[in-house]
Amino acid sequence: MTNRKTDFPPTIKELEKRPVLSAIQVSVYTSVMLGKILTLLDASIPDEKQNKAVKDLVKTLTWSTFGTLREWCLHSAEGIKSTFPFMSGTPDDLST
């Protein structure tokens, strides 16, 4: 973990190493991708109840995962060093 008092302000080189995507950009991309997936589900599952159940599950999982990405983006923007989520190599990374 970094000491914010001694590490502030960050140097240009430190800023260049930070992620180039903001949480807002990730949110927009996630929304577009989710819309395409939900449209595909509408075309694939004719039963109304099953369709709604699957779409609700996909939405919940998508936004839950987005929450993890959002936290990483915010921490990275603040200079808190952490590994990218889902990359530690454990199977549990993808189940949360």
PDB file of N, CA and C in Angstrom:
ATOM      1  N   MET A   1       0.840  -1.174   0.000  1.00  0.00           N
ATOM      2  CA  MET A   1       0.000   0.000   0.000  1.00  0.00           C
ATOM      3  C   MET A   1       0.889   1.242   0.000  1.00  0.00           C
ATOM      4  N   THR A   2       0.396   2.284  -0.612  1.00  0.00           N
ATOM      5  CA  THR A   2       1.198   3.493  -0.728  1.00  0.00           C
ATOM      6  C   THR A   2       0.876   4.460   0.403  1.00  0.00           C
ATOM      7  N   ASN A   3       1.828   5.309   0.712  1.00  0.00           N
ATOM      8  CA  ASN A   3       1.623   6.362   1.685  1.00  0.00           C
ATOM      9  C   ASN A   3       1.183   7.603   0.911  1.00  0.00           C
ATOM     10  N   ARG A   4      -0.048   7.995   1.048  1.00  0.00           N
ATOM     11  CA  ARG A   4      -0.600   9.081   0.231  1.00  0.00           C
ATOM     12  C   ARG A   4       0.090  10.417   0.477  1.00  0.00           C
ATOM     13  N   LYS A   5       0.541  10.660   1.694  1.00  0.00           N
ATOM     14  CA  LYS A   5       1.175  11.947   1.981  1.00  0.00           C
ATOM     15  C   LYS A   5       2.501  12.087   1.244  1.00  0.00           C
ATOM     16  N   THR A   6       3.300  11.013   1.204  1.00  0.00           N
ATOM     17  CA  THR A   6       4.608  11.109   0.554  1.00  0.00           C
ATOM     18  C   THR A   6       4.534  10.830  -0.934  1.00  0.00           C
ATOM     19  N   ASP A   7       3.476  10.185  -1.405  1.00  0.00           N
ATOM     20  CA  ASP A   7       3.361   9.845  -2.819  1.00  0.00           C
ATOM     21  C   ASP A   7       2.542  10.876  -3.603  1.00  0.00           C
ATOM     22  N   PHE A   8       2.150  11.954  -2.962  1.00  0.00           N
ATOM     23  CA  PHE A   8       1.318  12.933  -3.636  1.00  0.00           C
ATOM     24  C   PHE A   8       2.110  14.211  -3.834  1.00  0.00           C
ATOM     25  N   PRO A   9       2.033  14.904  -4.921  1.00  0.00           N
ATOM     26  CA  PRO A   9       1.300  14.510  -6.128  1.00  0.00           C
ATOM     27  C   PRO A   9       2.078  13.471  -6.917  1.00  0.00           C
ATOM     28  N   PRO A  10       1.353  12.640  -7.670  1.00  0.00           N
ATOM     29  CA  PRO A  10       2.044  11.621  -8.463  1.00  0.00           C
ATOM     30  C   PRO A  10       2.836  12.255  -9.600  1.00  0.00           C
ATOM     31  N   THR A  11       3.887  11.586  -9.989  1.00  0.00           N
ATOM     32  CA  THR A  11       4.683  12.081 -11.113  1.00  0.00           C
ATOM     33  C   THR A  11       3.979  11.738 -12.421  1.00  0.00           C
ATOM     34  N   ILE A  12       4.421  12.364 -13.501  1.00  0.00           N
ATOM     35  CA  ILE A  12       3.855  12.089 -14.825  1.00  0.00           C
ATOM     36  C   ILE A  12       4.038  10.610 -15.162  1.00  0.00           C
ATOM     37  N   LYS A  13       5.202  10.057 -14.874  1.00  0.00           N
ATOM     38  CA  LYS A  13       5.449   8.642 -15.182  1.00  0.00           C
ATOM     39  C   LYS A  13       4.505   7.739 -14.402  1.00  0.00           C
ATOM     40  N   GLU A  14       4.222   8.078 -13.156  1.00  0.00           N
ATOM     41  CA  GLU A  14       3.279   7.276 -12.369  1.00  0.00           C
ATOM     42  C   GLU A  14       1.876   7.369 -12.952  1.00  0.00           C
ATOM     43  N   LEU A  15       1.488   8.563 -13.385  1.00  0.00           N
ATOM     44  CA  LEU A  15       0.162   8.729 -13.987  1.00  0.00           C
ATOM     45  C   LEU A  15       0.028   7.946 -15.282  1.00  0.00           C
ATOM     46  N   GLU A  16       1.110   7.887 -16.072  1.00  0.00           N
ATOM     47  CA  GLU A  16       1.074   7.164 -17.341  1.00  0.00           C
ATOM     48  C   GLU A  16       0.885   5.668 -17.128  1.00  0.00           C
ATOM     49  N   LYS A  17       1.251   5.152 -15.971  1.00  0.00           N
ATOM     50  CA  LYS A  17       1.129   3.717 -15.692  1.00  0.00           C
ATOM     51  C   LYS A  17      -0.265   3.330 -15.214  1.00  0.00           C
ATOM     52  N   ARG A  18      -1.079   4.314 -14.905  1.00  0.00           N
ATOM     53  CA  ARG A  18      -2.413   4.032 -14.378  1.00  0.00           C
ATOM     54  C   ARG A  18      -3.351   3.569 -15.492  1.00  0.00           C
ATOM     55  N   PRO A  19      -4.440   2.922 -15.121  1.00  0.00           N
ATOM     56  CA  PRO A  19      -5.356   2.409 -16.144  1.00  0.00           C
ATOM     57  C   PRO A  19      -5.918   3.529 -17.014  1.00  0.00           C
ATOM     58  N   VAL A  20      -6.155   3.204 -18.251  1.00  0.00           N
ATOM     59  CA  VAL A  20      -6.660   4.204 -19.186  1.00  0.00           C
ATOM     60  C   VAL A  20      -8.179   4.204 -19.258  1.00  0.00           C
ATOM     61  N   LEU A  21      -8.826   3.227 -18.666  1.00  0.00           N
ATOM     62  CA  LEU A  21     -10.288   3.184 -18.649  1.00  0.00           C
ATOM     63  C   LEU A  21     -10.801   3.692 -17.316  1.00  0.00           C
ATOM     64  N   SER A  22     -11.793   4.555 -17.368  1.00  0.00           N
ATOM     65  CA  SER A  22     -12.424   5.014 -16.137  1.00  0.00           C
ATOM     66  C   SER A  22     -13.576   4.069 -15.799  1.00  0.00           C
ATOM     67  N   ALA A  23     -14.059   4.184 -14.581  1.00  0.00           N
ATOM     68  CA  ALA A  23     -15.208   3.373 -14.167  1.00  0.00           C
ATOM     69  C   ALA A  23     -16.424   3.696 -15.030  1.00  0.00           C
ATOM     70  N   ILE A  24     -16.560   4.946 -15.445  1.00  0.00           N
ATOM     71  CA  ILE A  24     -17.696   5.337 -16.298  1.00  0.00           C
ATOM     72  C   ILE A  24     -17.595   4.668 -17.659  1.00  0.00           C
ATOM     73  N   GLN A  25     -16.390   4.641 -18.229  1.00  0.00           N
ATOM     74  CA  GLN A  25     -16.204   3.983 -19.526  1.00  0.00           C
ATOM     75  C   GLN A  25     -16.519   2.498 -19.426  1.00  0.00           C
ATOM     76  N   VAL A  26     -16.086   1.866 -18.352  1.00  0.00           N
ATOM     77  CA  VAL A  26     -16.366   0.439 -18.160  1.00  0.00           C
ATOM     78  C   VAL A  26     -17.867   0.229 -18.003  1.00  0.00           C
ATOM     79  N   SER A  27     -18.538   1.142 -17.303  1.00  0.00           N
ATOM     80  CA  SER A  27     -19.983   1.041 -17.116  1.00  0.00           C
ATOM     81  C   SER A  27     -20.728   1.141 -18.446  1.00  0.00           C
ATOM     82  N   VAL A  28     -20.331   2.083 -19.273  1.00  0.00           N
ATOM     83  CA  VAL A  28     -20.982   2.253 -20.584  1.00  0.00           C
ATOM     84  C   VAL A  28     -20.778   1.010 -21.433  1.00  0.00           C
ATOM     85  N   TYR A  29     -19.540   0.519 -21.484  1.00  0.00           N
ATOM     86  CA  TYR A  29     -19.256  -0.679 -22.271  1.00  0.00           C
ATOM     87  C   TYR A  29     -20.054  -1.868 -21.737  1.00  0.00           C
ATOM     88  N   THR A  30     -20.124  -1.992 -20.418  1.00  0.00           N
ATOM     89  CA  THR A  30     -20.872  -3.091 -19.802  1.00  0.00           C
ATOM     90  C   THR A  30     -22.347  -3.005 -20.171  1.00  0.00           C
ATOM     91  N   SER A  31     -22.915  -1.805 -20.150  1.00  0.00           N
ATOM     92  CA  SER A  31     -24.327  -1.625 -20.510  1.00  0.00           C
ATOM     93  C   SER A  31     -24.599  -2.029 -21.956  1.00  0.00           C
ATOM     94  N   VAL A  32     -23.724  -1.621 -22.851  1.00  0.00           N
ATOM     95  CA  VAL A  32     -23.894  -1.969 -24.265  1.00  0.00           C
ATOM     96  C   VAL A  32     -23.796  -3.482 -24.456  1.00  0.00           C
ATOM     97  N   MET A  33     -22.777  -4.081 -23.850  1.00  0.00           N
ATOM     98  CA  MET A  33     -22.593  -5.527 -23.962  1.00  0.00           C
ATOM     99  C   MET A  33     -23.786  -6.273 -23.360  1.00  0.00           C
ATOM    100  N   LEU A  34     -24.250  -5.819 -22.199  1.00  0.00           N
ATOM    101  CA  LEU A  34     -25.389  -6.455 -21.547  1.00  0.00           C
ATOM    102  C   LEU A  34     -26.639  -6.358 -22.421  1.00  0.00           C
ATOM    103  N   GLY A  35     -26.859  -5.214 -23.035  1.00  0.00           N
ATOM    104  CA  GLY A  35     -28.009  -5.056 -23.928  1.00  0.00           C
ATOM    105  C   GLY A  35     -27.985  -6.048 -25.073  1.00  0.00           C
ATOM    106  N   LYS A  36     -26.803  -6.276 -25.626  1.00  0.00           N
ATOM    107  CA  LYS A  36     -26.675  -7.248 -26.731  1.00  0.00           C
ATOM    108  C   LYS A  36     -26.949  -8.667 -26.249  1.00  0.00           C
ATOM    109  N   ILE A  37     -26.456  -8.994 -25.066  1.00  0.00           N
ATOM    110  CA  ILE A  37     -26.688 -10.338 -24.510  1.00  0.00           C
ATOM    111  C   ILE A  37     -28.171 -10.537 -24.216  1.00  0.00           C
ATOM    112  N   LEU A  38     -28.819  -9.526 -23.645  1.00  0.00           N
ATOM    113  CA  LEU A  38     -30.248  -9.650 -23.334  1.00  0.00           C
ATOM    114  C   LEU A  38     -31.089  -9.769 -24.602  1.00  0.00           C
ATOM    115  N   THR A  39     -30.701  -9.081 -25.656  1.00  0.00           N
ATOM    116  CA  THR A  39     -31.395  -9.208 -26.940  1.00  0.00           C
ATOM    117  C   THR A  39     -31.239 -10.628 -27.485  1.00  0.00           C
ATOM    118  N   LEU A  40     -30.051 -11.170 -27.369  1.00  0.00           N
ATOM    119  CA  LEU A  40     -29.807 -12.552 -27.798  1.00  0.00           C
ATOM    120  C   LEU A  40     -30.663 -13.528 -26.997  1.00  0.00           C
ATOM    121  N   LEU A  41     -30.774 -13.297 -25.691  1.00  0.00           N
ATOM    122  CA  LEU A  41     -31.612 -14.169 -24.857  1.00  0.00           C
ATOM    123  C   LEU A  41     -33.080 -14.068 -25.256  1.00  0.00           C
ATOM    124  N   ASP A  42     -33.543 -12.862 -25.578  1.00  0.00           N
ATOM    125  CA  ASP A  42     -34.930 -12.694 -26.029  1.00  0.00           C
ATOM    126  C   ASP A  42     -35.202 -13.539 -27.275  1.00  0.00           C
ATOM    127  N   ALA A  43     -34.227 -13.584 -28.167  1.00  0.00           N
ATOM    128  CA  ALA A  43     -34.394 -14.345 -29.407  1.00  0.00           C
ATOM    129  C   ALA A  43     -34.238 -15.852 -29.184  1.00  0.00           C
ATOM    130  N   SER A  44     -33.606 -16.231 -28.096  1.00  0.00           N
ATOM    131  CA  SER A  44     -33.275 -17.648 -27.883  1.00  0.00           C
ATOM    132  C   SER A  44     -34.229 -18.380 -26.951  1.00  0.00           C
ATOM    133  N   ILE A  45     -34.884 -17.668 -26.045  1.00  0.00           N
ATOM    134  CA  ILE A  45     -35.730 -18.319 -25.033  1.00  0.00           C
ATOM    135  C   ILE A  45     -37.158 -17.817 -25.192  1.00  0.00           C
ATOM    136  N   PRO A  46     -38.015 -18.613 -25.853  1.00  0.00           N
ATOM    137  CA  PRO A  46     -39.377 -18.149 -26.117  1.00  0.00           C
ATOM    138  C   PRO A  46     -40.292 -18.132 -24.887  1.00  0.00           C
ATOM    139  N   ASP A  47     -40.055 -19.029 -23.933  1.00  0.00           N
ATOM    140  CA  ASP A  47     -40.914 -19.073 -22.755  1.00  0.00           C
ATOM    141  C   ASP A  47     -40.685 -17.813 -21.909  1.00  0.00           C
ATOM    142  N   GLU A  48     -41.776 -17.086 -21.632  1.00  0.00           N
ATOM    143  CA  GLU A  48     -41.677 -15.793 -20.961  1.00  0.00           C
ATOM    144  C   GLU A  48     -41.060 -15.884 -19.558  1.00  0.00           C
ATOM    145  N   LYS A  49     -41.483 -16.882 -18.782  1.00  0.00           N
ATOM    146  CA  LYS A  49     -40.955 -17.024 -17.417  1.00  0.00           C
ATOM    147  C   LYS A  49     -39.471 -17.390 -17.420  1.00  0.00           C
ATOM    148  N   GLN A  50     -39.109 -18.342 -18.269  1.00  0.00           N
ATOM    149  CA  GLN A  50     -37.708 -18.745 -18.353  1.00  0.00           C
ATOM    150  C   GLN A  50     -36.848 -17.577 -18.860  1.00  0.00           C
ATOM    151  N   ASN A  51     -37.356 -16.869 -19.837  1.00  0.00           N
ATOM    152  CA  ASN A  51     -36.638 -15.738 -20.397  1.00  0.00           C
ATOM    153  C   ASN A  51     -36.346 -14.705 -19.317  1.00  0.00           C
ATOM    154  N   LYS A  52     -37.372 -14.342 -18.545  1.00  0.00           N
ATOM    155  CA  LYS A  52     -37.202 -13.358 -17.486  1.00  0.00           C
ATOM    156  C   LYS A  52     -36.223 -13.857 -16.433  1.00  0.00           C
ATOM    157  N   ALA A  53     -36.326 -15.123 -16.052  1.00  0.00           N
ATOM    158  CA  ALA A  53     -35.449 -15.674 -15.017  1.00  0.00           C
ATOM    159  C   ALA A  53     -33.987 -15.633 -15.461  1.00  0.00           C
ATOM    160  N   VAL A  54     -33.725 -16.037 -16.689  1.00  0.00           N
ATOM    161  CA  VAL A  54     -32.351 -16.051 -17.192  1.00  0.00           C
ATOM    162  C   VAL A  54     -31.829 -14.622 -17.335  1.00  0.00           C
ATOM    163  N   LYS A  55     -32.649 -13.732 -17.863  1.00  0.00           N
ATOM    164  CA  LYS A  55     -32.213 -12.345 -18.032  1.00  0.00           C
ATOM    165  C   LYS A  55     -31.934 -11.681 -16.681  1.00  0.00           C
ATOM    166  N   ASP A  56     -32.764 -11.947 -15.691  1.00  0.00           N
ATOM    167  CA  ASP A  56     -32.521 -11.395 -14.349  1.00  0.00           C
ATOM    168  C   ASP A  56     -31.208 -11.904 -13.778  1.00  0.00           C
ATOM    169  N   LEU A  57     -30.933 -13.179 -13.970  1.00  0.00           N
ATOM    170  CA  LEU A  57     -29.688 -13.770 -13.489  1.00  0.00           C
ATOM    171  C   LEU A  57     -28.484 -13.145 -14.195  1.00  0.00           C
ATOM    172  N   VAL A  58     -28.570 -13.006 -15.499  1.00  0.00           N
ATOM    173  CA  VAL A  58     -27.469 -12.417 -16.267  1.00  0.00           C
ATOM    174  C   VAL A  58     -27.227 -10.974 -15.832  1.00  0.00           C
ATOM    175  N   LYS A  59     -28.299 -10.207 -15.633  1.00  0.00           N
ATOM    176  CA  LYS A  59     -28.146  -8.812 -15.192  1.00  0.00           C
ATOM    177  C   LYS A  59     -27.484  -8.737 -13.818  1.00  0.00           C
ATOM    178  N   THR A  60     -27.938  -9.585 -12.898  1.00  0.00           N
ATOM    179  CA  THR A  60     -27.369  -9.588 -11.545  1.00  0.00           C
ATOM    180  C   THR A  60     -25.889  -9.936 -11.570  1.00  0.00           C
ATOM    181  N   LEU A  61     -25.533 -10.988 -12.306  1.00  0.00           N
ATOM    182  CA  LEU A  61     -24.125 -11.393 -12.384  1.00  0.00           C
ATOM    183  C   LEU A  61     -23.272 -10.329 -13.060  1.00  0.00           C
ATOM    184  N   THR A  62     -23.805  -9.728 -14.107  1.00  0.00           N
ATOM    185  CA  THR A  62     -23.049  -8.704 -14.832  1.00  0.00           C
ATOM    186  C   THR A  62     -22.756  -7.505 -13.945  1.00  0.00           C
ATOM    187  N   TRP A  63     -23.756  -6.980 -13.272  1.00  0.00           N
ATOM    188  CA  TRP A  63     -23.540  -5.776 -12.467  1.00  0.00           C
ATOM    189  C   TRP A  63     -22.771  -6.071 -11.188  1.00  0.00           C
ATOM    190  N   SER A  64     -22.862  -7.297 -10.699  1.00  0.00           N
ATOM    191  CA  SER A  64     -22.042  -7.690  -9.551  1.00  0.00           C
ATOM    192  C   SER A  64     -20.566  -7.684  -9.941  1.00  0.00           C
ATOM    193  N   THR A  65     -20.274  -8.249 -11.106  1.00  0.00           N
ATOM    194  CA  THR A  65     -18.905  -8.263 -11.606  1.00  0.00           C
ATOM    195  C   THR A  65     -18.436  -6.843 -11.910  1.00  0.00           C
ATOM    196  N   PHE A  66     -19.323  -6.017 -12.444  1.00  0.00           N
ATOM    197  CA  PHE A  66     -18.968  -4.632 -12.714  1.00  0.00           C
ATOM    198  C   PHE A  66     -18.565  -3.911 -11.430  1.00  0.00           C
ATOM    199  N   GLY A  67     -19.251  -4.227 -10.336  1.00  0.00           N
ATOM    200  CA  GLY A  67     -18.913  -3.611  -9.053  1.00  0.00           C
ATOM    201  C   GLY A  67     -17.466  -3.878  -8.669  1.00  0.00           C
ATOM    202  N   THR A  68     -17.003  -5.084  -8.919  1.00  0.00           N
ATOM    203  CA  THR A  68     -15.611  -5.435  -8.639  1.00  0.00           C
ATOM    204  C   THR A  68     -14.670  -4.640  -9.536  1.00  0.00           C
ATOM    205  N   LEU A  69     -15.003  -4.541 -10.819  1.00  0.00           N
ATOM    206  CA  LEU A  69     -14.179  -3.774 -11.747  1.00  0.00           C
ATOM    207  C   LEU A  69     -14.171  -2.288 -11.387  1.00  0.00           C
ATOM    208  N   ARG A  70     -15.319  -1.784 -10.988  1.00  0.00           N
ATOM    209  CA  ARG A  70     -15.429  -0.373 -10.609  1.00  0.00           C
ATOM    210  C   ARG A  70     -14.516  -0.068  -9.426  1.00  0.00           C
ATOM    211  N   GLU A  71     -14.536  -0.934  -8.420  1.00  0.00           N
ATOM    212  CA  GLU A  71     -13.662  -0.734  -7.265  1.00  0.00           C
ATOM    213  C   GLU A  71     -12.201  -0.711  -7.693  1.00  0.00           C
ATOM    214  N   TRP A  72     -11.823  -1.630  -8.580  1.00  0.00           N
ATOM    215  CA  TRP A  72     -10.438  -1.676  -9.047  1.00  0.00           C
ATOM    216  C   TRP A  72     -10.080  -0.382  -9.779  1.00  0.00           C
ATOM    217  N   CYS A  73     -10.978   0.092 -10.647  1.00  0.00           N
ATOM    218  CA  CYS A  73     -10.720   1.341 -11.371  1.00  0.00           C
ATOM    219  C   CYS A  73     -10.537   2.502 -10.399  1.00  0.00           C
ATOM    220  N   LEU A  74     -11.406   2.593  -9.404  1.00  0.00           N
ATOM    221  CA  LEU A  74     -11.320   3.687  -8.444  1.00  0.00           C
ATOM    222  C   LEU A  74     -10.045   3.601  -7.616  1.00  0.00           C
ATOM    223  N   HIS A  75      -9.698   2.396  -7.166  1.00  0.00           N
ATOM    224  CA  HIS A  75      -8.458   2.226  -6.403  1.00  0.00           C
ATOM    225  C   HIS A  75      -7.256   2.586  -7.260  1.00  0.00           C
ATOM    226  N   SER A  76      -7.255   2.141  -8.503  1.00  0.00           N
ATOM    227  CA  SER A  76      -6.134   2.431  -9.395  1.00  0.00           C
ATOM    228  C   SER A  76      -6.015   3.928  -9.640  1.00  0.00           C
ATOM    229  N   ALA A  77      -7.141   4.596  -9.816  1.00  0.00           N
ATOM    230  CA  ALA A  77      -7.124   6.032 -10.048  1.00  0.00           C
ATOM    231  C   ALA A  77      -6.583   6.792  -8.834  1.00  0.00           C
ATOM    232  N   GLU A  78      -6.794   6.223  -7.650  1.00  0.00           N
ATOM    233  CA  GLU A  78      -6.300   6.850  -6.425  1.00  0.00           C
ATOM    234  C   GLU A  78      -4.852   6.460  -6.132  1.00  0.00           C
ATOM    235  N   GLY A  79      -4.278   5.604  -6.963  1.00  0.00           N
ATOM    236  CA  GLY A  79      -2.891   5.210  -6.770  1.00  0.00           C
ATOM    237  C   GLY A  79      -2.708   4.019  -5.854  1.00  0.00           C
ATOM    238  N   ILE A  80      -3.800   3.360  -5.480  1.00  0.00           N
ATOM    239  CA  ILE A  80      -3.698   2.170  -4.638  1.00  0.00           C
ATOM    240  C   ILE A  80      -3.356   0.995  -5.540  1.00  0.00           C
ATOM    241  N   LYS A  81      -2.222   0.382  -5.288  1.00  0.00           N
ATOM    242  CA  LYS A  81      -1.781  -0.705  -6.151  1.00  0.00           C
ATOM    243  C   LYS A  81      -2.502  -1.998  -5.771  1.00  0.00           C
ATOM    244  N   SER A  82      -3.118  -2.607  -6.757  1.00  0.00           N
ATOM    245  CA  SER A  82      -3.756  -3.910  -6.563  1.00  0.00           C
ATOM    246  C   SER A  82      -3.771  -4.622  -7.901  1.00  0.00           C
ATOM    247  N   THR A  83      -3.822  -5.933  -7.840  1.00  0.00           N
ATOM    248  CA  THR A  83      -3.846  -6.690  -9.082  1.00  0.00           C
ATOM    249  C   THR A  83      -5.223  -6.572  -9.718  1.00  0.00           C
ATOM    250  N   PHE A  84      -5.242  -6.743 -11.024  1.00  0.00           N
ATOM    251  CA  PHE A  84      -6.517  -6.697 -11.735  1.00  0.00           C
ATOM    252  C   PHE A  84      -7.395  -7.834 -11.238  1.00  0.00           C
ATOM    253  N   PRO A  85      -8.673  -7.556 -10.967  1.00  0.00           N
ATOM    254  CA  PRO A  85      -9.569  -8.607 -10.464  1.00  0.00           C
ATOM    255  C   PRO A  85      -9.645  -9.793 -11.429  1.00  0.00           C
ATOM    256  N   PHE A  86      -9.885 -10.944 -10.893  1.00  0.00           N
ATOM    257  CA  PHE A  86     -10.090 -12.177 -11.648  1.00  0.00           C
ATOM    258  C   PHE A  86      -8.800 -12.733 -12.248  1.00  0.00           C
ATOM    259  N   MET A  87      -7.644 -12.227 -11.843  1.00  0.00           N
ATOM    260  CA  MET A  87      -6.406 -12.661 -12.465  1.00  0.00           C
ATOM    261  C   MET A  87      -5.461 -13.400 -11.524  1.00  0.00           C
ATOM    262  N   SER A  88      -5.914 -13.754 -10.335  1.00  0.00           N
ATOM    263  CA  SER A  88      -5.010 -14.418  -9.401  1.00  0.00           C
ATOM    264  C   SER A  88      -4.836 -15.895  -9.737  1.00  0.00           C
ATOM    265  N   GLY A  89      -5.682 -16.410 -10.619  1.00  0.00           N
ATOM    266  CA  GLY A  89      -5.534 -17.791 -11.050  1.00  0.00           C
ATOM    267  C   GLY A  89      -6.380 -18.783 -10.251  1.00  0.00           C
ATOM    268  N   THR A  90      -7.180 -18.308  -9.321  1.00  0.00           N
ATOM    269  CA  THR A  90      -8.016 -19.234  -8.560  1.00  0.00           C
ATOM    270  C   THR A  90      -9.399 -19.308  -9.204  1.00  0.00           C
ATOM    271  N   PRO A  91     -10.002 -20.475  -9.207  1.00  0.00           N
ATOM    272  CA  PRO A  91     -11.335 -20.625  -9.815  1.00  0.00           C
ATOM    273  C   PRO A  91     -12.394 -19.729  -9.162  1.00  0.00           C
ATOM    274  N   ASP A  92     -12.214 -19.399  -7.883  1.00  0.00           N
ATOM    275  CA  ASP A  92     -13.186 -18.572  -7.192  1.00  0.00           C
ATOM    276  C   ASP A  92     -13.269 -17.171  -7.766  1.00  0.00           C
ATOM    277  N   ASP A  93     -12.242 -16.737  -8.469  1.00  0.00           N
ATOM    278  CA  ASP A  93     -12.232 -15.393  -9.032  1.00  0.00           C
ATOM    279  C   ASP A  93     -13.416 -15.147  -9.945  1.00  0.00           C
ATOM    280  N   LEU A  94     -13.846 -16.132 -10.665  1.00  0.00           N
ATOM    281  CA  LEU A  94     -14.930 -15.952 -11.628  1.00  0.00           C
ATOM    282  C   LEU A  94     -16.290 -16.276 -11.041  1.00  0.00           C
ATOM    283  N   SER A  95     -16.333 -16.755  -9.809  1.00  0.00           N
ATOM    284  CA  SER A  95     -17.625 -17.153  -9.238  1.00  0.00           C
ATOM    285  C   SER A  95     -18.232 -16.063  -8.379  1.00  0.00           C
ATOM    286  N   THR A  96     -17.549 -14.946  -8.189  1.00  0.00           N
ATOM    287  CA  THR A  96     -18.097 -13.892  -7.334  1.00  0.00           C
ATOM    288  C   THR A  96     -18.777 -12.827  -8.149  1.00  0.00           C
TER     289      THR A  96
END
